[in-house]
Amino acid sequence: MKRSLLALAAAARRRWSSRPLARDLEVQSRAWLARDTGVALVRARGESLLVGWGRDGVRLLSRLGREDAP
């Protein structure tokens, strides 16, 4: 799981900025669904994302909104 979350962090950094800061990405919560799979709530540059991870890697499941949205 740690490797998958690190891969997610690297992908998010490449997507949102060429020079991201550590505070730009935060894993807020995670839950295991089975032995090698789970979901995580991640905040990346003010946007909440629901991601899933498993043997095949990390995938974006849903964009949940921005921190500054009403």
Protein backbone atom coordinates (compact mmCIF):
# COMPACT_ATOMS: atom_id res chain seq x y z
CA MET A 1 0.00 0.00 0.00
CA LYS A 2 2.79 2.43 0.85
CA ARG A 3 4.24 2.03 -2.63
CA SER A 4 0.84 2.72 -4.20
CA LEU A 5 0.33 5.89 -2.16
CA LEU A 6 3.80 7.08 -3.10
CA ALA A 7 2.95 6.48 -6.75
CA LEU A 8 -0.24 8.50 -6.27
CA ALA A 9 1.73 11.34 -4.73
CA ALA A 10 4.19 11.35 -7.61
CA ALA A 11 1.39 11.35 -10.20
CA ALA A 12 -0.46 14.17 -8.45
CA ARG A 13 2.69 16.24 -8.27
CA ARG A 14 3.34 15.82 -11.98
CA ARG A 15 -0.25 16.74 -12.82
CA TRP A 16 -0.75 19.84 -10.69
CA SER A 17 2.62 21.54 -10.82
CA SER A 18 6.13 21.39 -12.07
CA ARG A 19 7.40 22.43 -8.60
CA PRO A 20 4.98 21.17 -5.94
CA LEU A 21 5.44 21.59 -2.21
CA ALA A 22 4.95 18.87 0.39
CA ARG A 23 1.94 20.72 1.83
CA ASP A 24 0.22 20.47 -1.58
CA LEU A 25 -0.59 16.79 -1.04
CA GLU A 26 -2.13 15.18 2.05
CA VAL A 27 -3.65 11.75 2.62
CA GLN A 28 -6.57 12.59 4.92
CA SER A 29 -8.04 9.14 5.40
CA ARG A 30 -7.75 5.62 4.05
CA ALA A 31 -9.69 2.39 4.34
CA TRP A 32 -8.80 -1.17 3.40
CA LEU A 33 -11.36 -3.01 1.28
CA ALA A 34 -9.52 -6.33 0.92
CA ARG A 35 -6.03 -7.71 1.41
CA ASP A 36 -4.36 -5.63 -1.31
CA THR A 37 -6.98 -2.98 -2.10
CA GLY A 38 -8.39 0.12 -0.51
CA VAL A 39 -9.53 3.68 -0.94
CA ALA A 40 -8.10 6.97 0.27
CA LEU A 41 -9.33 10.52 0.62
CA VAL A 42 -6.55 12.77 -0.63
CA ARG A 43 -6.31 16.56 -0.71
CA ALA A 44 -4.13 17.86 -3.54
CA ARG A 45 -3.76 21.63 -3.91
CA GLY A 46 -7.08 22.30 -2.22
CA GLU A 47 -9.02 19.67 -4.15
CA SER A 48 -10.44 16.57 -2.44
CA LEU A 49 -9.96 13.35 -4.40
CA LEU A 50 -11.19 9.82 -3.76
CA VAL A 51 -8.64 7.32 -5.03
CA GLY A 52 -8.48 3.56 -5.03
CA TRP A 53 -5.40 1.40 -4.94
CA GLY A 54 -4.68 -2.24 -5.59
CA ARG A 55 -2.27 -4.58 -7.32
CA ASP A 56 -2.70 -2.68 -10.59
CA GLY A 57 -1.79 0.68 -9.05
CA VAL A 58 -3.67 3.82 -8.03
CA ARG A 59 -6.73 5.22 -9.82
CA LEU A 60 -8.77 8.36 -9.42
CA LEU A 61 -12.33 7.35 -8.49
CA SER A 62 -13.90 10.78 -8.00
CA ARG A 63 -13.16 14.48 -7.68
CA LEU A 64 -15.04 15.58 -4.58
CA GLY A 65 -14.60 19.33 -4.85
CA ARG A 66 -12.36 22.22 -3.97
CA GLU A 67 -11.61 23.62 -0.55
CA ASP A 68 -12.61 27.13 -1.64
CA ALA A 69 -15.92 26.06 -3.23
CA PRO A 70 -19.16 27.27 -1.52
